[in-house]
Amino acid sequence: MWIDSHCHLNHPRFEGRDPLEIAQEAFAQDIDGMVTICCRISEELPQLLDIAGAHPKIWCSIGTHPHDAGLEAEKVITQDELVRLAKSHPKIVGIGESGLDYFYDNSPREDQEQSFRKHIRACIAAGLPLIVHARDADEDVARILKEEGAGTSLKGVMHCFSSGRPLAEAALEIGFYLSFSGIVTFKNAAELQDIAKDTPDDRILVETDAPFLAPVPHRGKAGHPAYTACTGEFIAELRGATPEAFAAQTTRNFFTLFDKAA
């Protein structure tokens, strides 16, 4: 049984489908749980809490995506308010996704950095894991995590890891986990496959980032939490493990990191 550590059950790309119906389809295909991720606190949080509250094996996060870091409705949410909200509901198990995205630059980089630092500090204060988005910003992500996390209890995961080895090593050095999506199954992902193969047993997670990044053999379709198994089985083969053993390992890792879900 697999756990999808990162999906977006309420995303418009699911074309108005019932999020619980999507989740139930995954549960029928060896998926034992999932975290539906917040990108805009000001708009999404009530809906995500409703989704997570409707099933014992669905959890959610709270956070502002770097694409939305420049929105005034997100900027006015203070660190203290973020901590209060994160602690307010038993189904909120992580903070994010937050980070830096220099590929699209949908929000000013200054706003992205301020939001990222706010989320890191909120994680430390709330005792919850940070869910990090990093795209074309590896050096700054690593630098900020080290600056804010040094000497603290900061913990977290590099979601949909698709960066190079330097960021992987920096993240592992500070105690973070690496989570791999369907990208790792793509033919042009040799370096990423090597990183997935080398990631320590106790620091690896799997995810779909659904409705994005469907793995082979579903590439080109909308992603789905049910596809967690495809990615997991692919990585298991890379690592010389059985799917059963790797599923058990990543599930243990999930509950170690997201201990509020346990």
Protein backbone atom coordinates (compact mmCIF):
# COMPACT_ATOMS: atom_id res chain seq x y z
CA MET A 1 0.00 0.00 0.00
CA TRP A 2 1.33 3.39 -1.04
CA ILE A 3 0.85 6.92 0.27
CA ASP A 4 0.75 9.85 -2.13
CA SER A 5 2.61 12.48 -0.16
CA HIS A 6 1.59 15.33 -2.46
CA CYS A 7 -1.45 15.86 -4.69
CA HIS A 8 -4.03 18.55 -5.44
CA LEU A 9 -7.47 16.95 -5.24
CA ASN A 10 -9.28 20.26 -5.72
CA HIS A 11 -7.33 21.43 -8.78
CA PRO A 12 -9.30 22.82 -11.76
CA ARG A 13 -7.51 20.38 -14.07
CA PHE A 14 -9.70 17.66 -12.58
CA GLU A 15 -12.51 19.48 -14.41
CA GLY A 16 -14.91 19.74 -11.50
CA ARG A 17 -14.77 16.07 -10.47
CA ASP A 18 -15.63 15.28 -6.88
CA PRO A 19 -12.32 15.19 -4.95
CA LEU A 20 -13.58 12.32 -2.80
CA GLU A 21 -14.44 10.32 -5.90
CA ILE A 22 -10.89 10.80 -7.16
CA ALA A 23 -9.55 9.70 -3.79
CA GLN A 24 -11.80 6.64 -3.66
CA GLU A 25 -10.53 5.53 -7.07
CA ALA A 26 -7.01 5.64 -5.67
CA PHE A 27 -7.97 3.79 -2.49
CA ALA A 28 -9.35 1.02 -4.70
CA GLN A 29 -5.90 0.69 -6.34
CA ASP A 30 -3.56 0.07 -3.40
CA ILE A 31 -3.24 3.70 -2.29
CA ASP A 32 -3.54 3.92 1.48
CA GLY A 33 -3.53 7.69 1.98
CA MET A 34 -2.76 11.07 0.46
CA VAL A 35 -2.03 14.69 1.32
CA THR A 36 -3.92 17.31 -0.68
CA ILE A 37 -1.79 20.43 -0.84
CA CYS A 38 -2.64 24.08 -0.30
CA CYS A 39 -1.39 26.76 -2.71
CA ARG A 40 -3.55 29.75 -1.71
CA ILE A 41 -4.56 29.90 1.94
CA SER A 42 -6.98 32.75 1.34
CA GLU A 43 -8.99 30.76 -1.20
CA GLU A 44 -8.43 27.05 -0.66
CA LEU A 45 -8.19 26.27 3.03
CA PRO A 46 -11.90 25.74 3.85
CA GLN A 47 -12.34 23.42 0.87
CA LEU A 48 -9.22 21.43 1.69
CA LEU A 49 -10.34 21.00 5.29
CA ASP A 50 -13.69 19.72 4.06
CA ILE A 51 -11.98 17.22 1.75
CA ALA A 52 -9.55 16.02 4.42
CA GLY A 53 -12.26 15.86 7.04
CA ALA A 54 -14.39 13.56 4.89
CA HIS A 55 -11.99 10.58 5.00
CA PRO A 56 -9.57 9.30 7.67
CA LYS A 57 -6.78 8.70 5.12
CA ILE A 58 -6.83 12.14 3.51
CA TRP A 59 -4.80 14.93 5.07
CA CYS A 60 -4.00 18.45 3.91
CA SER A 61 -1.41 21.19 4.22
CA ILE A 62 -1.58 24.94 4.63
CA GLY A 63 0.61 27.26 2.60
CA THR A 64 1.22 29.74 -0.18
CA HIS A 65 2.77 28.54 -3.44
CA PRO A 66 5.63 30.72 -4.73
CA HIS A 67 3.48 31.51 -7.78
CA ASP A 68 1.00 33.19 -5.41
CA ALA A 69 3.46 34.78 -2.99
CA GLY A 70 2.86 38.24 -4.47
CA LEU A 71 -0.89 38.19 -3.87
CA GLU A 72 -1.92 40.71 -1.23
CA ALA A 73 -4.42 38.25 0.28
CA GLU A 74 -1.51 35.87 0.95
CA LYS A 75 1.01 38.50 2.02
CA VAL A 76 -1.24 39.78 4.81
CA ILE A 77 -1.30 36.34 6.49
CA THR A 78 1.29 36.77 9.22
CA GLN A 79 3.63 34.12 10.54
CA ASP A 80 1.67 33.99 13.80
CA GLU A 81 -1.60 33.54 11.91
CA LEU A 82 -0.06 30.80 9.79
CA VAL A 83 1.05 28.99 12.94
CA ARG A 84 -2.38 29.43 14.54
CA LEU A 85 -4.17 28.07 11.48
CA ALA A 86 -1.73 25.18 11.13
CA LYS A 87 -2.42 24.12 14.71
CA SER A 88 -6.16 24.66 14.47
CA HIS A 89 -7.17 21.44 12.74
CA PRO A 90 -6.01 17.83 13.24
CA LYS A 91 -5.95 17.16 9.49
CA ILE A 92 -3.40 19.91 8.71
CA VAL A 93 -0.19 17.88 8.77
CA GLY A 94 2.29 20.13 6.99
CA ILE A 95 3.05 23.70 5.91
CA GLY A 96 3.46 24.50 2.22
CA GLU A 97 3.93 24.17 -0.55
CA SER A 98 6.28 27.10 -0.30
CA GLY A 99 9.61 27.88 -1.85
CA LEU A 100 11.10 29.57 -4.89
CA ASP A 101 10.22 29.29 -8.57
CA TYR A 102 12.53 31.24 -10.88
CA PHE A 103 11.36 29.35 -13.98
CA TYR A 104 7.97 31.08 -14.19
CA ASP A 105 8.62 34.04 -11.85
CA ASN A 106 4.87 34.47 -11.43
CA SER A 107 5.54 36.45 -8.25
CA PRO A 108 8.41 38.88 -7.61
CA ARG A 109 11.43 37.07 -6.23
CA GLU A 110 11.51 39.31 -3.17
CA ASP A 111 7.93 38.29 -2.35
CA GLN A 112 8.79 34.63 -2.91
CA GLU A 113 11.73 34.83 -0.51
CA GLN A 114 9.76 36.65 2.17
CA SER A 115 6.97 34.10 1.92
CA PHE A 116 9.44 31.20 2.01
CA ARG A 117 11.13 32.52 5.13
CA LYS A 118 7.75 33.08 6.80
CA HIS A 119 6.74 29.50 6.08
CA ILE A 120 10.03 28.11 7.39
CA ARG A 121 9.69 30.04 10.63
CA ALA A 122 6.07 28.94 10.98
CA CYS A 123 7.12 25.30 10.59
CA ILE A 124 9.65 25.64 13.36
CA ALA A 125 7.10 27.32 15.64
CA ALA A 126 4.33 24.82 14.86
CA GLY A 127 6.50 21.71 14.86
CA LEU A 128 5.22 20.69 11.43
CA PRO A 129 7.15 19.68 8.30
CA LEU A 130 7.83 22.12 5.49
CA ILE A 131 6.81 21.15 1.96
CA VAL A 132 9.28 22.81 -0.42
CA HIS A 133 8.80 23.77 -4.06
CA ALA A 134 12.08 24.48 -5.86
CA ARG A 135 12.44 25.23 -9.56
CA ASP A 136 15.49 26.84 -11.14
CA ALA A 137 16.36 28.27 -7.72
CA ASP A 138 18.45 25.53 -6.16
CA GLU A 139 21.21 27.69 -4.68
CA ASP A 140 18.84 30.17 -3.08
CA VAL A 141 16.57 27.42 -1.73
CA ALA A 142 19.53 25.66 -0.11
CA ARG A 143 20.92 28.92 1.27
CA ILE A 144 17.63 30.04 2.82
CA LEU A 145 16.92 26.64 4.35
CA LYS A 146 20.35 26.66 5.97
CA GLU A 147 20.05 30.26 7.16
CA GLU A 148 16.61 29.80 8.69
CA GLY A 149 16.98 26.21 9.85
CA ALA A 150 20.41 26.26 11.47
CA GLY A 151 20.19 25.12 15.08
CA THR A 152 16.43 24.57 14.94
CA SER A 153 14.07 21.61 14.75
CA LEU A 154 13.18 22.34 11.12
CA LYS A 155 12.09 19.27 9.16
CA GLY A 156 10.58 18.87 5.73
CA VAL A 157 10.50 17.44 2.25
CA MET A 158 11.69 18.57 -1.15
CA HIS A 159 8.47 17.93 -3.04
CA CYS A 160 8.54 16.62 -6.63
CA PHE A 161 12.31 16.56 -6.49
CA SER A 162 13.69 17.27 -9.96
CA SER A 163 16.78 19.32 -9.18
CA GLY A 164 20.42 18.34 -9.36
CA ARG A 165 22.59 16.47 -6.91
CA PRO A 166 23.89 19.57 -5.07
CA LEU A 167 20.40 20.46 -3.80
CA ALA A 168 19.68 16.81 -3.00
CA GLU A 169 22.82 16.61 -0.89
CA ALA A 170 22.12 19.95 0.81
CA ALA A 171 18.58 18.87 1.67
CA LEU A 172 19.65 15.50 3.01
CA GLU A 173 22.41 17.15 5.05
CA ILE A 174 19.88 19.25 6.98
CA GLY A 175 17.66 16.22 7.56
CA PHE A 176 15.08 16.71 4.82
CA TYR A 177 13.39 14.02 2.75
CA LEU A 178 13.29 13.80 -1.05
CA SER A 179 9.95 13.01 -2.67
CA PHE A 180 9.87 11.75 -6.25
CA SER A 181 7.03 12.17 -8.72
CA GLY A 182 6.32 10.67 -12.13
CA ILE A 183 9.18 12.73 -13.59
CA VAL A 184 11.58 10.04 -12.39
CA THR A 185 10.02 7.56 -14.85
CA PHE A 186 10.69 9.73 -17.91
CA LYS A 187 13.32 8.54 -20.40
CA ASN A 188 15.33 11.77 -20.15
CA ALA A 189 15.57 11.64 -16.34
CA ALA A 190 18.79 9.62 -15.96
CA GLU A 191 20.37 11.98 -13.41
CA LEU A 192 17.19 12.08 -11.37
CA GLN A 193 16.97 8.29 -11.46
CA ASP A 194 20.50 8.10 -10.07
CA ILE A 195 19.54 10.44 -7.23
CA ALA A 196 16.44 8.37 -6.46
CA LYS A 197 18.58 5.25 -6.44
CA ASP A 198 21.08 6.83 -4.01
CA THR A 199 18.66 8.50 -1.58
CA PRO A 200 18.89 6.86 1.86
CA ASP A 201 16.17 4.34 2.67
CA ASP A 202 14.83 6.45 5.51
CA ARG A 203 14.67 9.74 3.55
CA ILE A 204 12.64 8.90 0.44
CA LEU A 205 8.97 9.49 -0.36
CA VAL A 206 6.75 9.10 -3.41
CA GLU A 207 4.07 11.40 -4.77
CA THR A 208 2.07 12.23 -7.87
CA ASP A 209 1.63 16.02 -7.74
CA ALA A 210 -1.67 15.11 -9.40
CA PRO A 211 -3.20 16.33 -11.65
CA PHE A 212 0.29 16.98 -13.04
CA LEU A 213 3.22 14.79 -14.09
CA ALA A 214 1.59 11.44 -14.77
CA PRO A 215 4.26 8.72 -14.80
CA VAL A 216 5.00 6.31 -17.61
CA PRO A 217 2.86 4.52 -18.88
CA HIS A 218 0.27 7.26 -18.24
CA ARG A 219 2.41 10.17 -19.44
CA GLY A 220 0.32 12.69 -21.35
CA LYS A 221 -2.78 12.06 -19.26
CA ALA A 222 -3.92 13.99 -16.20
CA GLY A 223 -2.10 12.79 -13.11
CA HIS A 224 -4.04 10.82 -10.53
CA PRO A 225 -3.22 9.74 -6.95
CA ALA A 226 -3.74 6.13 -8.11
CA TYR A 227 -0.54 6.49 -10.16
CA THR A 228 1.58 6.63 -6.98
CA ALA A 229 2.09 2.89 -7.37
CA CYS A 230 3.55 3.29 -10.89
CA THR A 231 6.18 5.71 -9.65
CA GLY A 232 6.86 3.66 -6.53
CA GLU A 233 7.29 0.42 -8.45
CA PHE A 234 9.66 2.13 -10.90
CA ILE A 235 11.86 3.48 -8.08
CA ALA A 236 11.77 0.13 -6.29
CA GLU A 237 13.24 -1.53 -9.38
CA LEU A 238 15.93 1.16 -9.61
CA ARG A 239 16.89 0.47 -6.00
CA GLY A 240 16.78 -3.32 -6.28
CA ALA A 241 13.87 -3.57 -3.85
CA THR A 242 10.54 -5.33 -4.11
CA PRO A 243 7.52 -3.05 -4.56
CA GLU A 244 6.12 -4.39 -1.29
CA ALA A 245 9.25 -3.57 0.68
CA PHE A 246 9.61 -0.13 -0.88
CA ALA A 247 5.94 0.68 -0.30
CA ALA A 248 6.33 -0.28 3.35
CA GLN A 249 9.51 1.80 3.67
CA THR A 250 8.02 4.94 2.11
CA THR A 251 4.90 4.57 4.24
CA ARG A 252 7.04 4.41 7.40
CA ASN A 253 8.94 7.44 6.18
CA PHE A 254 5.72 9.33 5.55
CA PHE A 255 4.44 8.81 9.08
CA THR A 256 7.85 9.64 10.55
CA LEU A 257 7.91 12.99 8.77
CA PHE A 258 4.19 13.75 8.89
CA ASP A 259 3.84 12.51 12.44
CA LYS A 260 0.65 14.48 13.01
CA ALA A 261 -1.00 12.17 10.46
CA ALA A 262 -0.06 9.17 12.57
